[in-house]
Amino acid sequence: MSLKVYNTFSGEKEIFKPIQEDRVRMYVCGPTVYNRVHIGNARPAVVFDTLYRVLKSLYSDVVYARNITDIDDKIMKAARDNCEEIGALSARFAQAYCEDMHALNTLQPDVTPYATEHLPEMIAMIEALVEKGHAYAAEGHVLFAVQSMDDYGKLSKRSLDDMLAGARVEVAPYKKYAGDFVLWKPSSEDEPGWDSPWGYGRPGWHLECSAMIKKHLGDTIDIHGGGRDLTFPHHENEIAQSCCANGKEFVRYWMHNGYVNIDGEKMSKSLGNFRMVNDLLQQYPGEVLRFALLSAHYRSELNFSADLLDQAWRSLDGLYGALRETQSVEAAEANLEGSAFIEALHDDLNTPIAISELHQLARELNKAADAHKSALKGQLLAAGEMLGILQQDAEAWFKQSRGDDEINEEEIEALIAERQQSKKDKNFARADEIREELKAKGVVLEDSREGTKWRRE
């Protein structure tokens, strides 16, 4: 089966063909670590983690890199505001990011390069650009000369005039052209910096990814991913730096996920409608957040809301319910090749269709004769793993906390035991009273021949 992906560069869906037959190199832009990350930052992490899982099912050698930007003006400002050392602040929020993404069940990337560990590579790339006439030094800065590249703007499909008209471009006296962007900037004595041929300073943000990609993945890579907001100027400038410094094609397939809106409005600082992942994790399991992020096609905008999260939770309840009812059934090893589920994922990562196929598998499992349950359960679990869900114990799923629970597990078990005793004593009024008491606190009892199960709702 062929994997098809939408290439932002061509504006079309294309059959994916790696540069080397069984070797795939993918890079995704990671966070600038000056604060906890919001749900918009989590979307590319979840989307490209899912793509990583699909690629690993198809190719034996897949290397996925996702960077950490640990030097930036935003980090410097946050450190000043917190009266904290820059390195300590960036390390703290880098760790927080890893913890938040782990809670969303994202796999650890094969390579996690930190910007501050790649200064020699950045300086070498700047030197190559200056030597080739694509960059120039001015007043302690080094800038990329965008007019030196004939096809600058080819990713975002903008002309230089259009870019300047629609962008907030810093017009500084040391720039030869208003659209030139910074590769290196000077640092004062109380700012972080490194020695370079152009003086004490620090790299421009765009440069970091180009240098880290070259070191860890090579001059040309298969896939570069990130949010749509990075298309211009960040990814456009990466292309300029890498192509002009290396003299080679930079990326075969550019992939970008759509924006996350909050309750129908674009998430923005001015509206104050950011939803931090860590805050959401206090109310919802990470698997619910992941499911919600995958519920829309990655290229479309996602309207993130409490209703979406509640719907995702109910959907997962249905899927886990099928697994809970077949806990005694051993899942058979599954081969998903040729299934409608895999076809959906191979069609530009169509997760909404893939999720609908998961529900179909769960329905079939619920209705299947005993002879067919093992195979269907294996397929459901294998498909869930491809999406990064359904890997928890089904019984534990229904007993986990659901926000501000009024009653804990020990209290629930005690009341169930009391109810059972009441039934033995033929005190059915008390037994019914306990059922209603638990229901009022969000706990549903399910009686069967094997005993009483419970779940939160």
Protein backbone atom coordinates (compact mmCIF):
# COMPACT_ATOMS: atom_id res chain seq x y z
CA MET A 1 0.00 0.00 0.00
CA SER A 2 1.18 3.51 -0.76
CA LEU A 3 1.35 6.23 1.86
CA LYS A 4 0.07 9.55 0.57
CA VAL A 5 0.83 12.86 2.25
CA TYR A 6 -0.11 16.44 1.45
CA ASN A 7 3.01 18.37 0.52
CA THR A 8 2.68 22.07 1.38
CA PHE A 9 5.43 22.80 -1.14
CA SER A 10 3.53 21.41 -4.14
CA GLY A 11 0.07 22.08 -2.73
CA GLU A 12 -0.94 18.53 -3.62
CA LYS A 13 -1.32 15.10 -2.09
CA GLU A 14 1.64 12.96 -3.17
CA ILE A 15 2.73 9.33 -2.85
CA PHE A 16 5.47 9.26 -0.23
CA LYS A 17 8.78 7.91 -1.51
CA PRO A 18 11.73 8.14 0.87
CA ILE A 19 15.06 9.40 -0.44
CA GLN A 20 16.61 6.06 0.50
CA GLU A 21 14.54 2.93 -0.02
CA ASP A 22 13.96 1.87 3.61
CA ARG A 23 15.28 4.91 5.48
CA VAL A 24 13.12 7.84 6.59
CA ARG A 25 14.29 11.05 8.26
CA MET A 26 11.66 13.35 9.81
CA TYR A 27 12.11 16.61 11.71
CA VAL A 28 9.39 18.51 13.56
CA CYS A 29 9.77 21.92 15.15
CA GLY A 30 9.57 21.68 18.93
CA PRO A 31 8.83 24.28 21.61
CA THR A 32 10.60 27.42 22.77
CA VAL A 33 10.77 26.59 26.47
CA TYR A 34 9.84 29.72 28.42
CA ASN A 35 6.48 28.58 29.80
CA ARG A 36 4.14 25.62 29.98
CA VAL A 37 2.84 24.70 26.52
CA HIS A 38 -0.73 25.23 25.36
CA ILE A 39 -2.97 22.82 23.48
CA GLY A 40 -1.96 24.41 20.16
CA ASN A 41 1.65 23.35 20.84
CA ALA A 42 0.42 19.83 21.57
CA ARG A 43 -1.30 19.37 18.21
CA PRO A 44 1.86 18.97 16.08
CA ALA A 45 3.40 16.73 18.74
CA VAL A 46 0.38 14.37 18.60
CA VAL A 47 -0.10 14.60 14.82
CA PHE A 48 3.50 13.82 13.94
CA ASP A 49 3.76 11.20 16.66
CA THR A 50 0.92 9.43 14.87
CA LEU A 51 2.72 9.82 11.54
CA TYR A 52 5.87 8.45 13.20
CA ARG A 53 3.93 5.34 14.27
CA VAL A 54 2.63 4.88 10.72
CA LEU A 55 6.11 5.29 9.23
CA LYS A 56 7.58 2.78 11.69
CA SER A 57 4.99 0.24 10.56
CA LEU A 58 6.18 0.67 6.96
CA TYR A 59 9.95 1.20 7.19
CA SER A 60 12.64 -0.47 9.27
CA ASP A 61 14.80 2.64 9.72
CA VAL A 62 12.91 5.77 10.81
CA VAL A 63 14.61 8.60 12.68
CA TYR A 64 12.38 11.29 14.17
CA ALA A 65 13.93 14.48 15.54
CA ARG A 66 12.12 17.19 17.47
CA ASN A 67 14.15 20.10 18.81
CA ILE A 68 14.09 22.16 21.97
CA THR A 69 14.77 25.90 21.56
CA ASP A 70 16.45 26.81 24.83
CA ILE A 71 17.84 30.23 23.89
CA ASP A 72 15.50 32.95 22.72
CA ASP A 73 14.50 36.50 23.61
CA LYS A 74 11.23 35.17 25.10
CA ILE A 75 13.21 32.90 27.41
CA MET A 76 15.47 35.78 28.43
CA LYS A 77 12.47 37.96 29.26
CA ALA A 78 10.75 35.20 31.25
CA ALA A 79 13.94 34.60 33.22
CA ARG A 80 14.24 38.31 34.04
CA ASP A 81 10.60 38.47 35.09
CA ASN A 82 11.07 35.40 37.32
CA CYS A 83 14.44 36.55 38.65
CA GLU A 84 15.69 33.15 37.52
CA GLU A 85 18.78 31.95 35.68
CA ILE A 86 18.06 31.40 31.99
CA GLY A 87 19.47 27.87 31.95
CA ALA A 88 17.42 26.86 34.99
CA LEU A 89 14.19 28.25 33.53
CA SER A 90 14.65 26.63 30.12
CA ALA A 91 15.60 23.27 31.69
CA ARG A 92 12.54 23.37 33.93
CA PHE A 93 10.11 24.07 31.10
CA ALA A 94 11.83 21.60 28.75
CA GLN A 95 11.22 18.91 31.36
CA ALA A 96 7.62 20.10 31.80
CA TYR A 97 7.08 19.85 28.03
CA CYS A 98 8.41 16.29 27.98
CA GLU A 99 6.11 15.35 30.87
CA ASP A 100 3.06 16.92 29.22
CA MET A 101 3.75 15.17 25.90
CA HIS A 102 4.34 11.87 27.70
CA ALA A 103 0.90 12.28 29.29
CA LEU A 104 -0.51 12.52 25.75
CA ASN A 105 1.16 9.17 25.01
CA THR A 106 3.59 10.54 22.42
CA LEU A 107 6.63 8.39 21.78
CA GLN A 108 10.01 9.83 22.66
CA PRO A 109 11.66 11.15 19.46
CA ASP A 110 14.86 9.39 18.44
CA VAL A 111 16.75 12.68 18.61
CA THR A 112 15.97 15.71 20.79
CA PRO A 113 18.56 18.36 19.92
CA TYR A 114 18.91 21.45 22.13
CA ALA A 115 19.81 24.71 20.41
CA THR A 116 22.50 25.68 22.94
CA GLU A 117 24.38 22.45 22.21
CA HIS A 118 24.80 23.30 18.50
CA LEU A 119 26.58 26.66 18.39
CA PRO A 120 29.62 25.38 16.42
CA GLU A 121 27.29 24.01 13.74
CA MET A 122 25.37 27.29 13.58
CA ILE A 123 28.51 29.38 13.28
CA ALA A 124 29.84 27.07 10.55
CA MET A 125 26.60 27.46 8.57
CA ILE A 126 26.76 31.26 8.85
CA GLU A 127 30.36 31.23 7.66
CA ALA A 128 29.34 29.15 4.63
CA LEU A 129 26.52 31.58 3.80
CA VAL A 130 28.82 34.60 4.08
CA GLU A 131 31.47 32.92 1.92
CA LYS A 132 28.90 32.12 -0.79
CA GLY A 133 27.53 35.67 -0.84
CA HIS A 134 24.17 34.88 0.77
CA ALA A 135 24.86 36.66 4.07
CA TYR A 136 26.66 39.75 5.28
CA ALA A 137 27.93 41.17 8.56
CA ALA A 138 26.81 44.59 9.79
CA GLU A 139 27.17 46.23 13.21
CA GLY A 140 27.69 42.98 15.08
CA HIS A 141 24.83 41.29 13.23
CA VAL A 142 24.94 38.78 10.40
CA LEU A 143 21.93 38.81 8.08
CA PHE A 144 20.71 36.57 5.29
CA ALA A 145 20.35 38.52 2.04
CA VAL A 146 17.00 37.30 0.73
CA GLN A 147 17.52 38.96 -2.66
CA SER A 148 20.51 36.67 -3.21
CA MET A 149 18.15 33.70 -3.56
CA ASP A 150 16.14 33.65 -6.78
CA ASP A 151 13.25 31.56 -5.49
CA TYR A 152 12.96 32.83 -1.92
CA GLY A 153 9.30 32.50 -0.93
CA LYS A 154 8.67 29.28 -2.86
CA LEU A 155 7.16 27.42 0.14
CA SER A 156 4.69 30.12 1.17
CA LYS A 157 4.27 31.14 -2.50
CA ARG A 158 4.85 34.81 -1.80
CA SER A 159 6.90 37.36 -3.69
CA LEU A 160 9.31 39.60 -1.81
CA ASP A 161 7.00 42.58 -2.34
CA ASP A 162 4.03 40.65 -0.96
CA MET A 163 6.02 39.57 2.08
CA LEU A 164 7.06 43.07 2.96
CA ALA A 165 3.56 44.43 2.44
CA GLY A 166 1.94 41.83 4.69
CA ALA A 167 4.56 41.33 7.38
CA ARG A 168 5.80 43.30 10.34
CA VAL A 169 9.41 43.59 9.27
CA GLU A 170 11.99 45.22 11.48
CA VAL A 171 13.61 47.93 9.41
CA ALA A 172 17.05 48.49 10.89
CA PRO A 173 19.80 50.74 9.53
CA TYR A 174 22.23 47.81 9.27
CA LYS A 175 19.97 45.94 6.83
CA LYS A 176 20.69 46.19 3.11
CA TYR A 177 17.10 45.16 2.39
CA ALA A 178 14.14 45.38 4.74
CA GLY A 179 13.29 41.68 4.32
CA ASP A 180 16.74 40.38 5.28
CA PHE A 181 16.59 38.25 8.42
CA VAL A 182 18.98 37.78 11.31
CA LEU A 183 21.39 34.86 11.50
CA TRP A 184 23.45 36.26 14.37
CA LYS A 185 22.85 39.12 16.78
CA PRO A 186 25.09 40.78 19.38
CA SER A 187 24.60 40.13 23.11
CA SER A 188 25.34 42.56 25.91
CA GLU A 189 27.52 41.51 28.83
CA ASP A 190 24.50 40.54 30.95
CA GLU A 191 22.87 38.52 28.16
CA PRO A 192 23.71 34.94 27.16
CA GLY A 193 26.07 34.69 24.25
CA TRP A 194 28.95 32.90 22.57
CA ASP A 195 32.16 34.03 20.93
CA SER A 196 32.04 34.12 17.14
CA PRO A 197 33.90 35.69 14.18
CA TRP A 198 31.39 38.56 14.45
CA GLY A 199 31.77 39.14 18.16
CA TYR A 200 30.00 37.99 21.30
CA GLY A 201 26.39 37.15 20.47
CA ARG A 202 23.71 34.54 19.91
CA PRO A 203 21.99 32.90 16.91
CA GLY A 204 18.79 33.93 15.22
CA TRP A 205 15.86 31.61 15.79
CA HIS A 206 15.50 30.46 12.17
CA LEU A 207 19.11 29.30 12.02
CA GLU A 208 18.82 26.78 14.84
CA CYS A 209 16.70 24.19 13.03
CA SER A 210 18.78 24.30 9.84
CA ALA A 211 21.98 23.60 11.77
CA MET A 212 20.47 20.84 13.92
CA ILE A 213 18.90 19.11 10.90
CA LYS A 214 22.19 19.13 9.04
CA LYS A 215 24.06 17.61 11.98
CA HIS A 216 21.60 14.89 12.95
CA LEU A 217 19.71 14.05 9.75
CA GLY A 218 21.83 15.31 6.87
CA ASP A 219 21.61 17.95 4.14
CA THR A 220 18.36 16.57 2.69
CA ILE A 221 15.54 15.01 4.71
CA ASP A 222 12.30 13.31 3.82
CA ILE A 223 9.73 15.14 5.99
CA HIS A 224 9.70 18.42 7.84
CA GLY A 225 6.64 19.14 9.94
CA GLY A 226 5.16 21.81 12.16
CA GLY A 227 2.21 24.10 12.66
CA ARG A 228 0.83 26.09 9.74
CA ASP A 229 1.93 29.31 11.44
CA LEU A 230 5.56 28.29 10.87
CA THR A 231 5.29 28.17 7.08
CA PHE A 232 6.33 31.82 6.86
CA PRO A 233 8.74 33.10 7.90
CA HIS A 234 10.33 30.25 9.88
CA HIS A 235 10.25 27.40 7.39
CA GLU A 236 10.76 29.72 4.45
CA ASN A 237 13.94 30.96 6.10
CA GLU A 238 15.08 27.43 6.92
CA ILE A 239 14.86 26.60 3.22
CA ALA A 240 16.88 29.69 2.34
CA GLN A 241 19.64 28.96 4.86
CA SER A 242 19.95 25.24 4.19
CA CYS A 243 19.68 25.31 0.40
CA CYS A 244 22.14 28.18 0.05
CA ALA A 245 24.64 26.83 2.59
CA ASN A 246 24.54 23.18 1.50
CA GLY A 247 23.84 23.62 -2.21
CA LYS A 248 21.29 20.80 -2.10
CA GLU A 249 17.57 20.15 -1.84
CA PHE A 250 16.54 20.57 1.80
CA VAL A 251 13.18 18.81 2.33
CA ARG A 252 11.15 16.47 0.11
CA TYR A 253 7.79 16.74 1.90
CA TRP A 254 6.64 19.72 3.95
CA MET A 255 3.68 18.93 6.23
CA HIS A 256 1.77 21.46 8.35
CA ASN A 257 -1.09 21.00 10.80
CA GLY A 258 -3.94 23.49 11.07
CA TYR A 259 -4.66 25.97 13.85
CA VAL A 260 -6.44 25.21 17.09
CA ASN A 261 -9.37 27.50 17.88
CA ILE A 262 -10.89 27.80 21.35
CA ASP A 263 -14.69 27.79 21.48
CA GLY A 264 -14.82 29.06 17.91
CA GLU A 265 -12.21 31.82 18.31
CA LYS A 266 -8.57 31.78 17.31
CA MET A 267 -6.37 31.12 20.33
CA SER A 268 -4.42 34.28 21.11
CA LYS A 269 -2.77 36.15 23.95
CA SER A 270 -4.96 39.20 23.36
CA LEU A 271 -8.11 37.13 23.93
CA GLY A 272 -6.58 35.34 26.90
CA ASN A 273 -8.04 32.04 25.71
CA PHE A 274 -4.97 29.85 25.91
CA ARG A 275 -5.61 26.34 27.26
CA MET A 276 -2.47 25.00 28.89
CA VAL A 277 -1.96 21.26 28.54
CA ASN A 278 -1.00 20.85 32.19
CA ASP A 279 -4.20 22.60 33.33
CA LEU A 280 -6.33 20.40 31.08
CA LEU A 281 -4.60 17.29 32.45
CA GLN A 282 -5.97 18.14 35.88
CA GLN A 283 -9.48 17.58 34.51
CA TYR A 284 -9.04 15.08 31.67
CA PRO A 285 -6.84 12.04 31.05
CA GLY A 286 -4.11 12.63 28.50
CA GLU A 287 -5.71 10.01 26.25
CA VAL A 288 -8.86 12.14 26.04
CA LEU A 289 -6.80 15.17 24.95
CA ARG A 290 -4.98 13.06 22.37
CA PHE A 291 -8.23 11.61 21.01
CA ALA A 292 -9.72 15.11 20.74
CA LEU A 293 -6.68 16.38 18.83
CA LEU A 294 -6.96 13.46 16.37
CA SER A 295 -10.72 13.83 15.92
CA ALA A 296 -10.29 16.35 13.08
CA HIS A 297 -8.04 15.96 10.05
CA TYR A 298 -4.63 17.39 10.88
CA ARG A 299 -4.71 19.96 8.07
CA SER A 300 -8.07 21.40 9.11
CA GLU A 301 -8.68 23.87 11.90
CA LEU A 302 -9.73 22.25 15.17
CA ASN A 303 -12.35 23.86 17.39
CA PHE A 304 -11.23 22.90 20.87
CA SER A 305 -13.92 23.06 23.56
CA ALA A 306 -15.29 21.34 26.64
CA ASP A 307 -17.92 19.72 24.40
CA LEU A 308 -15.18 18.24 22.19
CA LEU A 309 -13.38 16.82 25.23
CA ASP A 310 -16.57 15.37 26.69
CA GLN A 311 -17.40 13.80 23.34
CA ALA A 312 -13.87 12.35 23.11
CA TRP A 313 -14.22 10.89 26.61
CA ARG A 314 -17.56 9.27 25.72
CA SER A 315 -16.06 7.84 22.53
CA LEU A 316 -13.19 6.31 24.45
CA ASP A 317 -15.67 4.92 26.99
CA GLY A 318 -17.39 3.10 24.14
CA LEU A 319 -14.11 1.66 22.83
CA TYR A 320 -12.85 0.67 26.26
CA GLY A 321 -16.28 -0.78 27.02
CA ALA A 322 -15.82 -3.32 24.23
CA LEU A 323 -12.42 -4.26 25.67
CA ARG A 324 -13.83 -4.46 29.18
CA GLU A 325 -16.51 -6.92 28.12
CA THR A 326 -13.86 -9.16 26.54
CA GLN A 327 -11.23 -9.04 29.29
CA SER A 328 -11.20 -12.83 29.49
CA VAL A 329 -10.51 -13.11 25.74
CA GLU A 330 -6.88 -13.30 24.67
CA ALA A 331 -6.24 -10.96 21.75
CA ALA A 332 -4.87 -12.59 18.62
CA GLU A 333 -1.90 -11.07 16.81
CA ALA A 334 -3.35 -8.72 14.22
CA ASN A 335 -2.34 -7.80 10.70
CA LEU A 336 -4.05 -4.56 9.73
CA GLU A 337 -2.68 -4.48 6.19
CA GLY A 338 -5.44 -3.86 3.69
CA SER A 339 -7.95 -2.80 6.34
CA ALA A 340 -10.11 0.29 5.98
CA PHE A 341 -8.41 1.63 9.09
CA ILE A 342 -4.94 1.48 7.56
CA GLU A 343 -6.19 2.80 4.23
CA ALA A 344 -7.49 5.88 6.06
CA LEU A 345 -4.17 6.53 7.79
CA HIS A 346 -2.26 5.98 4.55
CA ASP A 347 -4.46 8.60 2.89
CA ASP A 348 -2.71 11.68 4.31
CA LEU A 349 -3.23 10.58 7.91
CA ASN A 350 -7.03 10.71 7.82
CA THR A 351 -7.58 10.14 11.53
CA PRO A 352 -11.34 10.96 11.58
CA ILE A 353 -12.01 8.07 9.17
CA ALA A 354 -9.58 5.85 11.08
CA ILE A 355 -11.44 6.60 14.33
CA SER A 356 -14.76 5.72 12.70
CA GLU A 357 -13.23 2.37 11.72
CA LEU A 358 -12.19 1.85 15.35
CA HIS A 359 -15.81 2.26 16.42
CA GLN A 360 -16.87 -0.20 13.73
CA LEU A 361 -14.39 -2.76 15.09
CA ALA A 362 -15.75 -2.20 18.61
CA ARG A 363 -19.32 -2.75 17.41
CA GLU A 364 -18.31 -5.97 15.66
CA LEU A 365 -16.48 -7.13 18.78
CA ASN A 366 -19.55 -6.49 20.92
CA LYS A 367 -21.75 -8.59 18.60
CA ALA A 368 -19.27 -11.30 17.60
CA ALA A 369 -19.56 -14.96 18.44
CA ASP A 370 -16.92 -16.24 20.83
CA ALA A 371 -14.93 -17.81 18.00
CA HIS A 372 -14.33 -14.42 16.38
CA LYS A 373 -13.72 -12.27 19.47
CA SER A 374 -9.98 -12.99 19.71
CA ALA A 375 -9.23 -11.77 16.19
CA LEU A 376 -11.42 -8.69 16.48
CA LYS A 377 -9.97 -7.74 19.86
CA GLY A 378 -6.47 -8.05 18.42
CA GLN A 379 -7.39 -5.77 15.53
CA LEU A 380 -8.95 -3.19 17.85
CA LEU A 381 -5.89 -3.10 20.10
CA ALA A 382 -3.46 -2.93 17.17
CA ALA A 383 -5.42 -0.11 15.54
CA GLY A 384 -5.60 1.71 18.85
CA GLU A 385 -1.85 1.45 19.29
CA MET A 386 -1.31 3.00 15.86
CA LEU A 387 -3.30 6.03 17.09
CA GLY A 388 -1.65 5.98 20.52
CA ILE A 389 -4.82 5.01 22.40
CA LEU A 390 -6.54 1.98 24.01
CA GLN A 391 -3.40 0.68 25.69
CA GLN A 392 -4.63 1.02 29.28
CA ASP A 393 -6.32 -1.67 31.35
CA ALA A 394 -10.03 -1.39 30.52
CA GLU A 395 -11.18 -1.82 34.11
CA ALA A 396 -8.78 0.87 35.32
CA TRP A 397 -10.00 3.22 32.57
CA PHE A 398 -13.50 3.35 34.01
CA LYS A 399 -12.33 3.77 37.59
CA GLN A 400 -9.98 6.71 37.04
CA SER A 401 -10.76 10.16 38.36
CA ARG A 402 -13.08 12.32 36.27
CA GLY A 403 -12.44 15.90 37.31
CA ASP A 404 -13.81 16.91 40.69
CA ASP A 405 -14.97 13.53 41.90
CA GLU A 406 -16.99 13.60 45.11
CA ILE A 407 -16.08 10.04 46.08
CA ASN A 408 -12.90 7.97 45.90
CA GLU A 409 -12.40 4.34 44.88
CA GLU A 410 -12.21 3.01 48.45
CA GLU A 411 -15.52 4.67 49.37
CA ILE A 412 -17.15 3.25 46.24
CA GLU A 413 -15.97 -0.28 46.99
CA ALA A 414 -17.20 0.03 50.59
CA LEU A 415 -20.68 1.09 49.44
CA ILE A 416 -20.80 -1.75 46.90
CA ALA A 417 -19.92 -4.20 49.67
CA GLU A 418 -22.66 -2.71 51.85
CA ARG A 419 -25.14 -3.00 48.97
CA GLN A 420 -24.29 -6.65 48.46
CA GLN A 421 -24.80 -7.33 52.14
CA SER A 422 -28.09 -5.42 52.07
CA LYS A 423 -29.29 -7.63 49.22
CA LYS A 424 -28.33 -10.74 51.18
CA ASP A 425 -30.28 -9.37 54.14
CA LYS A 426 -33.21 -8.70 51.78
CA ASN A 427 -32.95 -5.00 52.59
CA PHE A 428 -33.61 -4.07 48.97
CA ALA A 429 -34.60 -0.51 49.84
CA ARG A 430 -31.11 0.18 51.18
CA ALA A 431 -29.54 -1.55 48.17
CA ASP A 432 -31.50 0.69 45.81
CA GLU A 433 -30.63 3.70 47.93
CA ILE A 434 -26.91 2.95 47.58
CA ARG A 435 -27.24 2.61 43.80
CA GLU A 436 -28.91 6.02 43.58
CA GLU A 437 -26.41 7.56 45.98
CA LEU A 438 -23.53 6.39 43.80
CA LYS A 439 -25.29 7.49 40.61
CA ALA A 440 -25.72 10.98 42.05
CA LYS A 441 -21.95 11.06 42.51
CA GLY A 442 -21.23 9.99 38.94
CA VAL A 443 -20.75 6.28 39.58
CA VAL A 444 -22.76 3.72 37.58
CA LEU A 445 -23.17 0.15 38.82
CA GLU A 446 -23.38 -2.76 36.38
CA ASP A 447 -24.68 -6.03 37.83
CA SER A 448 -23.90 -9.35 36.13
CA ARG A 449 -23.52 -13.01 36.98
CA GLU A 450 -19.84 -12.40 37.72
CA GLY A 451 -20.65 -9.68 40.25
CA THR A 452 -20.95 -5.90 40.28
CA LYS A 453 -18.73 -3.67 38.16
CA TRP A 454 -18.68 0.10 38.36
CA ARG A 455 -17.57 2.99 36.25
CA ARG A 456 -17.46 6.73 36.50
CA GLU A 457 -19.44 8.82 34.03
